[in-house]
N, C-alpha and C. Protein backbone atom coordinates (compact mmCIF):
# COMPACT_ATOMS: atom_id res chain seq x y z
N UNK A 1 140.85 197.79 136.63
CA UNK A 1 140.50 199.16 136.49
C UNK A 1 138.97 199.31 136.60
N UNK A 2 138.53 200.19 137.48
CA UNK A 2 137.11 200.46 137.61
C UNK A 2 136.72 201.54 136.58
N UNK A 3 135.61 201.33 135.92
CA UNK A 3 135.11 202.30 134.95
C UNK A 3 134.13 203.26 135.62
N UNK A 4 134.02 204.44 135.09
CA UNK A 4 133.10 205.42 135.65
C UNK A 4 131.70 205.13 135.22
N UNK A 5 130.77 205.42 136.09
CA UNK A 5 129.35 205.27 135.83
C UNK A 5 128.62 206.25 136.72
N UNK A 6 127.34 206.52 136.45
CA UNK A 6 126.62 207.48 137.30
C UNK A 6 126.66 207.00 138.76
N UNK A 7 126.89 207.99 139.67
CA UNK A 7 126.98 207.71 141.09
C UNK A 7 128.37 207.37 141.57
N UNK A 8 129.31 207.16 140.66
CA UNK A 8 130.67 206.81 140.99
C UNK A 8 131.43 208.08 141.43
N UNK A 9 132.29 207.94 142.42
CA UNK A 9 133.11 209.08 142.92
C UNK A 9 134.30 209.27 141.98
N UNK A 10 134.52 210.56 141.67
CA UNK A 10 135.70 210.93 140.87
C UNK A 10 136.52 211.90 141.72
N UNK A 11 137.79 211.61 141.77
CA UNK A 11 138.71 212.49 142.51
C UNK A 11 139.81 212.95 141.56
N UNK A 12 140.10 214.26 141.61
CA UNK A 12 141.18 214.79 140.78
C UNK A 12 141.81 216.00 141.46
N UNK A 13 142.99 216.35 141.03
CA UNK A 13 143.73 217.49 141.58
C UNK A 13 143.56 218.67 140.65
N UNK A 14 143.45 219.85 141.24
CA UNK A 14 143.39 221.07 140.44
C UNK A 14 144.78 221.33 139.84
N UNK A 15 144.86 221.70 138.59
CA UNK A 15 146.17 221.99 138.01
C UNK A 15 146.85 223.18 138.66
N UNK A 16 148.16 223.24 138.57
CA UNK A 16 148.95 224.32 139.18
C UNK A 16 148.58 225.68 138.61
N UNK A 17 148.16 225.71 137.37
CA UNK A 17 147.84 226.99 136.72
C UNK A 17 146.37 227.36 136.85
N UNK A 18 145.65 226.79 137.82
CA UNK A 18 144.26 227.16 138.04
C UNK A 18 144.20 228.61 138.47
N UNK A 19 143.37 229.42 137.83
CA UNK A 19 143.30 230.86 138.19
C UNK A 19 142.86 231.01 139.66
N UNK A 20 143.39 232.05 140.27
CA UNK A 20 143.11 232.33 141.68
C UNK A 20 141.62 232.58 141.90
N UNK A 21 140.97 233.23 140.95
CA UNK A 21 139.53 233.51 141.07
C UNK A 21 138.72 232.20 141.12
N UNK A 22 139.11 231.21 140.34
CA UNK A 22 138.43 229.91 140.34
C UNK A 22 138.59 229.22 141.67
N UNK A 23 139.81 229.23 142.23
CA UNK A 23 140.06 228.61 143.52
C UNK A 23 139.26 229.28 144.59
N UNK A 24 139.22 230.59 144.58
CA UNK A 24 138.42 231.34 145.59
C UNK A 24 136.96 231.02 145.50
N UNK A 25 136.44 230.92 144.26
CA UNK A 25 135.04 230.61 144.05
C UNK A 25 134.73 229.19 144.56
N UNK A 26 135.60 228.24 144.24
CA UNK A 26 135.40 226.87 144.71
C UNK A 26 135.41 226.81 146.25
N UNK A 27 136.36 227.51 146.88
CA UNK A 27 136.43 227.50 148.33
C UNK A 27 135.19 228.14 148.94
N UNK A 28 134.68 229.21 148.32
CA UNK A 28 133.47 229.89 148.84
C UNK A 28 132.28 228.97 148.70
N UNK A 29 132.13 228.31 147.55
CA UNK A 29 131.00 227.36 147.38
C UNK A 29 131.09 226.20 148.32
N UNK A 30 132.28 225.70 148.61
CA UNK A 30 132.47 224.56 149.52
C UNK A 30 132.02 224.97 150.92
N UNK A 31 132.38 226.18 151.35
CA UNK A 31 131.96 226.63 152.68
C UNK A 31 130.42 226.82 152.70
N UNK A 32 129.88 227.40 151.66
CA UNK A 32 128.44 227.68 151.61
C UNK A 32 127.61 226.38 151.56
N UNK A 33 128.01 225.49 150.68
CA UNK A 33 127.20 224.31 150.38
C UNK A 33 127.53 223.09 151.29
N UNK A 34 128.71 223.03 151.80
CA UNK A 34 129.09 221.93 152.69
C UNK A 34 129.04 220.61 151.90
N UNK A 35 128.24 219.69 152.40
CA UNK A 35 128.14 218.34 151.78
C UNK A 35 127.46 218.34 150.42
N UNK A 36 126.70 219.43 150.09
CA UNK A 36 126.05 219.52 148.80
C UNK A 36 126.98 220.11 147.70
N UNK A 37 128.23 220.35 148.06
CA UNK A 37 129.18 220.98 147.11
C UNK A 37 129.28 220.13 145.84
N UNK A 38 129.45 218.83 145.98
CA UNK A 38 129.63 217.99 144.78
C UNK A 38 128.38 217.97 143.93
N UNK A 39 127.21 218.09 144.55
CA UNK A 39 125.96 218.14 143.79
C UNK A 39 125.92 219.34 142.84
N UNK A 40 126.56 220.45 143.22
CA UNK A 40 126.57 221.64 142.36
C UNK A 40 127.75 221.53 141.36
N UNK A 41 128.88 221.01 141.78
CA UNK A 41 130.05 221.00 140.92
C UNK A 41 129.97 219.89 139.84
N UNK A 42 129.38 218.77 140.16
CA UNK A 42 129.32 217.66 139.19
C UNK A 42 128.67 218.03 137.89
N UNK A 43 127.50 218.71 137.86
CA UNK A 43 126.93 219.07 136.55
C UNK A 43 127.82 220.03 135.78
N UNK A 44 128.53 220.90 136.44
CA UNK A 44 129.45 221.84 135.77
C UNK A 44 130.57 221.03 135.13
N UNK A 45 131.10 220.06 135.86
CA UNK A 45 132.17 219.20 135.32
C UNK A 45 131.68 218.40 134.11
N UNK A 46 130.54 217.80 134.23
CA UNK A 46 129.97 216.99 133.12
C UNK A 46 129.68 217.89 131.93
N UNK A 47 129.10 219.03 132.14
CA UNK A 47 128.79 219.95 131.02
C UNK A 47 130.06 220.44 130.32
N UNK A 48 131.10 220.73 131.11
CA UNK A 48 132.36 221.17 130.50
C UNK A 48 132.96 220.07 129.64
N UNK A 49 132.93 218.85 130.10
CA UNK A 49 133.46 217.72 129.30
C UNK A 49 132.60 217.49 128.07
N UNK A 50 131.29 217.58 128.22
CA UNK A 50 130.37 217.42 127.09
C UNK A 50 130.62 218.50 126.03
N UNK A 51 130.79 219.74 126.46
CA UNK A 51 131.09 220.83 125.54
C UNK A 51 132.42 220.59 124.79
N UNK A 52 133.38 220.10 125.55
CA UNK A 52 134.69 219.81 124.97
C UNK A 52 134.59 218.73 123.91
N UNK A 53 133.78 217.70 124.19
CA UNK A 53 133.60 216.62 123.23
C UNK A 53 132.88 217.12 121.98
N UNK A 54 131.87 217.97 122.17
CA UNK A 54 131.11 218.50 121.03
C UNK A 54 132.06 219.36 120.16
N UNK A 55 132.90 220.15 120.80
CA UNK A 55 133.81 220.99 120.00
C UNK A 55 134.88 220.17 119.29
N UNK A 56 135.34 219.09 119.89
CA UNK A 56 136.36 218.30 119.25
C UNK A 56 135.79 217.35 118.20
N UNK A 57 134.53 217.12 118.23
CA UNK A 57 133.90 216.17 117.29
C UNK A 57 132.94 216.88 116.35
N UNK A 58 133.24 218.14 116.04
CA UNK A 58 132.34 218.90 115.14
C UNK A 58 132.27 218.25 113.74
N UNK A 59 133.30 217.55 113.31
CA UNK A 59 133.30 216.95 112.00
C UNK A 59 132.90 215.49 112.00
N UNK A 60 132.26 215.05 113.06
CA UNK A 60 131.81 213.67 113.09
C UNK A 60 130.30 213.61 113.22
N UNK A 61 129.75 212.51 112.81
CA UNK A 61 128.31 212.27 112.90
C UNK A 61 128.13 210.91 113.51
N UNK A 62 127.25 210.82 114.50
CA UNK A 62 126.91 209.53 115.07
C UNK A 62 125.70 208.97 114.37
N UNK A 63 125.83 207.78 113.80
CA UNK A 63 124.73 207.14 113.09
C UNK A 63 124.30 205.90 113.89
N UNK A 64 123.07 205.87 114.35
CA UNK A 64 122.64 204.71 115.09
C UNK A 64 122.54 203.51 114.15
N UNK A 65 123.06 202.39 114.63
CA UNK A 65 123.03 201.14 113.85
C UNK A 65 121.77 200.36 114.20
N UNK A 66 121.30 199.55 113.28
CA UNK A 66 120.13 198.74 113.59
C UNK A 66 120.50 197.70 114.66
N UNK A 67 119.51 197.36 115.47
CA UNK A 67 119.75 196.37 116.49
C UNK A 67 119.81 194.98 115.88
N UNK A 68 120.46 194.08 116.62
CA UNK A 68 120.53 192.70 116.14
C UNK A 68 121.66 192.37 115.22
N UNK A 69 122.66 193.31 115.09
CA UNK A 69 123.80 192.99 114.21
C UNK A 69 124.72 191.99 114.93
N UNK A 70 125.32 191.14 114.15
CA UNK A 70 126.23 190.14 114.72
C UNK A 70 127.55 190.81 115.00
N UNK A 71 128.42 190.12 115.72
CA UNK A 71 129.74 190.64 116.05
C UNK A 71 130.54 190.86 114.78
N UNK A 72 130.42 189.95 113.82
CA UNK A 72 131.13 190.13 112.54
C UNK A 72 130.67 191.36 111.80
N UNK A 73 129.34 191.60 111.83
CA UNK A 73 128.81 192.78 111.15
C UNK A 73 129.30 194.04 111.86
N UNK A 74 129.32 194.05 113.17
CA UNK A 74 129.79 195.23 113.92
C UNK A 74 131.27 195.46 113.64
N UNK A 75 132.03 194.40 113.57
CA UNK A 75 133.47 194.52 113.27
C UNK A 75 133.68 195.09 111.91
N UNK A 76 132.86 194.70 110.93
CA UNK A 76 132.94 195.20 109.58
C UNK A 76 132.62 196.71 109.56
N UNK A 77 131.55 197.09 110.26
CA UNK A 77 131.18 198.53 110.31
C UNK A 77 132.28 199.33 110.97
N UNK A 78 132.94 198.78 111.99
CA UNK A 78 133.99 199.53 112.70
C UNK A 78 135.34 199.47 112.02
N UNK A 79 135.47 198.78 110.91
CA UNK A 79 136.76 198.72 110.23
C UNK A 79 137.06 200.08 109.59
N UNK A 80 138.32 200.41 109.47
CA UNK A 80 138.73 201.68 108.90
C UNK A 80 138.32 201.77 107.41
N UNK A 81 138.33 200.64 106.71
CA UNK A 81 137.94 200.65 105.30
C UNK A 81 136.47 200.99 105.16
N UNK A 82 135.59 200.41 105.98
CA UNK A 82 134.18 200.69 105.90
C UNK A 82 133.89 202.14 106.25
N UNK A 83 134.54 202.62 107.31
CA UNK A 83 134.33 204.03 107.69
C UNK A 83 134.77 204.98 106.59
N UNK A 84 135.88 204.65 105.94
CA UNK A 84 136.37 205.46 104.84
C UNK A 84 135.36 205.44 103.67
N UNK A 85 134.84 204.25 103.38
CA UNK A 85 133.87 204.08 102.29
C UNK A 85 132.60 204.89 102.59
N UNK A 86 132.11 204.80 103.83
CA UNK A 86 130.89 205.53 104.19
C UNK A 86 131.14 207.05 104.13
N UNK A 87 132.30 207.49 104.59
CA UNK A 87 132.59 208.93 104.57
C UNK A 87 132.67 209.45 103.13
N UNK A 88 133.20 208.62 102.22
CA UNK A 88 133.24 209.02 100.81
C UNK A 88 131.85 209.10 100.22
N UNK A 89 131.00 208.17 100.60
CA UNK A 89 129.61 208.16 100.13
C UNK A 89 128.91 209.41 100.61
N UNK A 90 129.07 209.75 101.89
CA UNK A 90 128.42 210.94 102.46
C UNK A 90 128.96 212.20 101.77
N UNK A 91 130.28 212.25 101.54
CA UNK A 91 130.89 213.40 100.87
C UNK A 91 130.25 213.56 99.49
N UNK A 92 130.09 212.46 98.75
CA UNK A 92 129.54 212.50 97.42
C UNK A 92 128.09 212.99 97.44
N UNK A 93 127.30 212.48 98.36
CA UNK A 93 125.89 212.86 98.44
C UNK A 93 125.72 214.34 98.80
N UNK A 94 126.60 214.83 99.67
CA UNK A 94 126.47 216.23 100.09
C UNK A 94 127.00 217.18 99.02
N UNK A 95 128.15 216.91 98.46
CA UNK A 95 128.78 217.86 97.53
C UNK A 95 128.38 217.70 96.09
N UNK A 96 128.03 216.50 95.67
CA UNK A 96 127.66 216.31 94.26
C UNK A 96 126.44 215.36 94.17
N UNK A 97 125.32 215.80 94.69
CA UNK A 97 124.14 214.90 94.61
C UNK A 97 123.76 214.60 93.18
N UNK A 98 123.44 213.34 92.92
CA UNK A 98 122.99 212.96 91.59
C UNK A 98 124.12 212.68 90.64
N UNK A 99 125.36 212.86 91.07
CA UNK A 99 126.50 212.61 90.18
C UNK A 99 127.08 211.25 90.49
N UNK A 100 127.27 210.42 89.48
CA UNK A 100 127.85 209.09 89.81
C UNK A 100 129.28 209.25 90.27
N UNK A 101 129.67 208.36 91.15
CA UNK A 101 131.02 208.40 91.70
C UNK A 101 131.54 207.01 91.90
N UNK A 102 132.83 206.81 91.66
CA UNK A 102 133.45 205.53 91.92
C UNK A 102 133.93 205.51 93.34
N UNK A 103 133.39 204.60 94.18
CA UNK A 103 133.79 204.51 95.53
C UNK A 103 135.16 203.83 95.60
N UNK A 104 135.90 204.16 96.62
CA UNK A 104 137.23 203.61 96.76
C UNK A 104 138.32 204.57 96.35
N UNK A 105 137.88 205.67 95.71
CA UNK A 105 138.84 206.74 95.36
C UNK A 105 138.97 207.65 96.57
N UNK A 106 140.04 208.37 96.64
CA UNK A 106 140.24 209.27 97.79
C UNK A 106 139.29 210.48 97.61
N UNK A 107 138.87 211.00 98.77
CA UNK A 107 137.95 212.16 98.76
C UNK A 107 138.82 213.37 98.42
N UNK A 108 138.41 214.17 97.42
CA UNK A 108 139.21 215.34 97.07
C UNK A 108 139.24 216.35 98.18
N UNK A 109 140.32 217.10 98.26
CA UNK A 109 140.42 218.15 99.28
C UNK A 109 139.36 219.21 99.05
N UNK A 110 138.95 219.87 100.11
CA UNK A 110 137.89 220.88 100.04
C UNK A 110 138.33 222.04 99.14
N UNK A 111 139.59 222.43 99.18
CA UNK A 111 140.01 223.57 98.39
C UNK A 111 140.40 223.22 96.96
N UNK A 112 140.27 221.96 96.57
CA UNK A 112 140.59 221.58 95.20
C UNK A 112 139.49 222.05 94.26
N UNK A 113 139.85 222.29 93.00
CA UNK A 113 138.88 222.78 92.02
C UNK A 113 137.94 221.67 91.67
N UNK A 114 136.65 221.97 91.78
CA UNK A 114 135.62 220.96 91.51
C UNK A 114 135.31 220.94 90.01
N UNK A 115 135.13 219.79 89.45
CA UNK A 115 134.72 219.61 88.07
C UNK A 115 133.31 219.10 88.08
N UNK A 116 132.34 219.96 87.71
CA UNK A 116 130.94 219.61 87.84
C UNK A 116 130.44 218.79 86.63
N UNK A 117 131.24 218.68 85.57
CA UNK A 117 130.83 217.90 84.44
C UNK A 117 131.02 216.43 84.69
N UNK A 118 130.05 215.63 84.27
CA UNK A 118 130.16 214.20 84.46
C UNK A 118 130.89 213.66 83.24
N UNK A 119 132.03 213.01 83.49
CA UNK A 119 132.80 212.42 82.41
C UNK A 119 132.26 211.04 82.07
N UNK A 120 131.95 210.77 80.81
CA UNK A 120 131.47 209.41 80.47
C UNK A 120 132.60 208.42 80.70
N UNK A 121 132.25 207.30 81.29
CA UNK A 121 133.22 206.27 81.59
C UNK A 121 132.92 205.07 80.70
N UNK A 122 133.98 204.40 80.33
CA UNK A 122 133.80 203.17 79.52
C UNK A 122 133.21 202.12 80.42
N UNK A 123 132.44 201.27 79.84
CA UNK A 123 131.80 200.18 80.60
C UNK A 123 132.78 199.03 80.77
N UNK A 124 133.23 198.78 81.98
CA UNK A 124 134.20 197.73 82.20
C UNK A 124 133.57 196.32 82.12
N UNK A 125 132.26 196.24 82.02
CA UNK A 125 131.59 194.96 81.97
C UNK A 125 131.60 194.43 80.55
N UNK A 126 132.30 193.33 80.31
CA UNK A 126 132.37 192.75 78.95
C UNK A 126 131.95 191.29 79.02
N UNK A 127 131.26 190.87 77.97
CA UNK A 127 130.81 189.48 77.91
C UNK A 127 131.60 188.82 76.78
N UNK A 128 132.13 187.64 77.10
CA UNK A 128 132.85 186.93 76.03
C UNK A 128 131.86 186.31 75.03
N UNK A 129 132.36 185.89 73.90
CA UNK A 129 131.48 185.40 72.82
C UNK A 129 130.70 184.14 73.19
N UNK A 130 131.29 183.29 74.02
CA UNK A 130 130.59 182.07 74.40
C UNK A 130 129.41 182.39 75.28
N UNK A 131 129.58 183.30 76.21
CA UNK A 131 128.48 183.71 77.09
C UNK A 131 127.38 184.42 76.27
N UNK A 132 127.78 185.25 75.35
CA UNK A 132 126.84 185.98 74.51
C UNK A 132 126.01 185.01 73.66
N UNK A 133 126.66 184.04 73.08
CA UNK A 133 125.98 183.03 72.29
C UNK A 133 124.98 182.23 73.14
N UNK A 134 125.37 181.84 74.32
CA UNK A 134 124.50 181.10 75.23
C UNK A 134 123.24 181.93 75.59
N UNK A 135 123.46 183.18 75.90
CA UNK A 135 122.36 184.05 76.29
C UNK A 135 121.39 184.21 75.12
N UNK A 136 121.90 184.43 73.92
CA UNK A 136 121.03 184.58 72.77
C UNK A 136 120.23 183.34 72.47
N UNK A 137 120.86 182.16 72.53
CA UNK A 137 120.15 180.91 72.25
C UNK A 137 119.14 180.56 73.32
N UNK A 138 119.50 180.85 74.57
CA UNK A 138 118.66 180.41 75.68
C UNK A 138 117.54 181.38 76.01
N UNK A 139 117.89 182.66 76.10
CA UNK A 139 116.94 183.62 76.60
C UNK A 139 116.36 184.58 75.55
N UNK A 140 117.03 184.71 74.46
CA UNK A 140 116.59 185.68 73.44
C UNK A 140 116.09 185.00 72.17
N UNK A 141 115.65 183.79 72.27
CA UNK A 141 115.15 183.02 71.13
C UNK A 141 113.62 183.32 71.02
N UNK A 142 113.28 184.06 69.99
CA UNK A 142 111.89 184.47 69.86
C UNK A 142 111.18 183.66 68.73
N UNK A 143 111.65 182.48 68.47
CA UNK A 143 111.01 181.63 67.47
C UNK A 143 109.60 181.31 67.93
N UNK A 144 108.75 181.14 66.96
CA UNK A 144 107.34 180.82 67.32
C UNK A 144 107.15 179.33 67.56
N UNK A 145 108.29 178.54 67.57
CA UNK A 145 108.20 177.13 67.78
C UNK A 145 107.71 176.78 69.18
N UNK A 146 107.94 177.64 70.13
CA UNK A 146 107.58 177.34 71.54
C UNK A 146 106.08 177.55 71.79
N UNK A 147 105.42 178.21 70.87
CA UNK A 147 103.98 178.51 71.11
C UNK A 147 103.16 177.32 70.67
N UNK A 148 102.48 176.69 71.61
CA UNK A 148 101.64 175.55 71.28
C UNK A 148 100.16 175.96 71.23
N UNK A 149 99.88 177.22 71.20
CA UNK A 149 98.48 177.68 71.25
C UNK A 149 97.73 177.36 69.97
C-alpha cells in the first residue's frame, strides 16, 4: 500500500448525492483552468479535511513529547492506561486546581454534583515497630556522645 505524501496523486469518485450546483461548478472550473484545475481544487480538499479533523477532535489536545524518547518510553506514553492517567490529571488541574486527588479513580461526569470540600484522608503509610526503633536509634539519636569537640 502506498501512503499519501505531498505531491502524490489522489483519485476519488464523486458521491452519487453530490449536489448539482457543485458538479456544475467543478465542470466550469475544469474548463476554465484546464491543467491548473487540481492546483485550485487540492487546497480546498485539504482545508475541508483539516476542518473536519478539527471539528472531530475538539476534545483532544496534542502535546509535543520531548525528543530522544526510547521505544519503550513511547509505548508507555501511548498505552491506554497512561493516556487515562494523564487525562485524569488534566481534568483535576482544570476543574479543581490545588485540590489533592487520588489518581487511578474514574473521572466524574461533567453533570455530576461537585463536592468542593477536601475530605481528610487517613494516611495509608504505616511503619512497623522494628523500623521505627531502627530509625530512632540510627538517625534520631541526639546524645552528646558523638560530639568530640
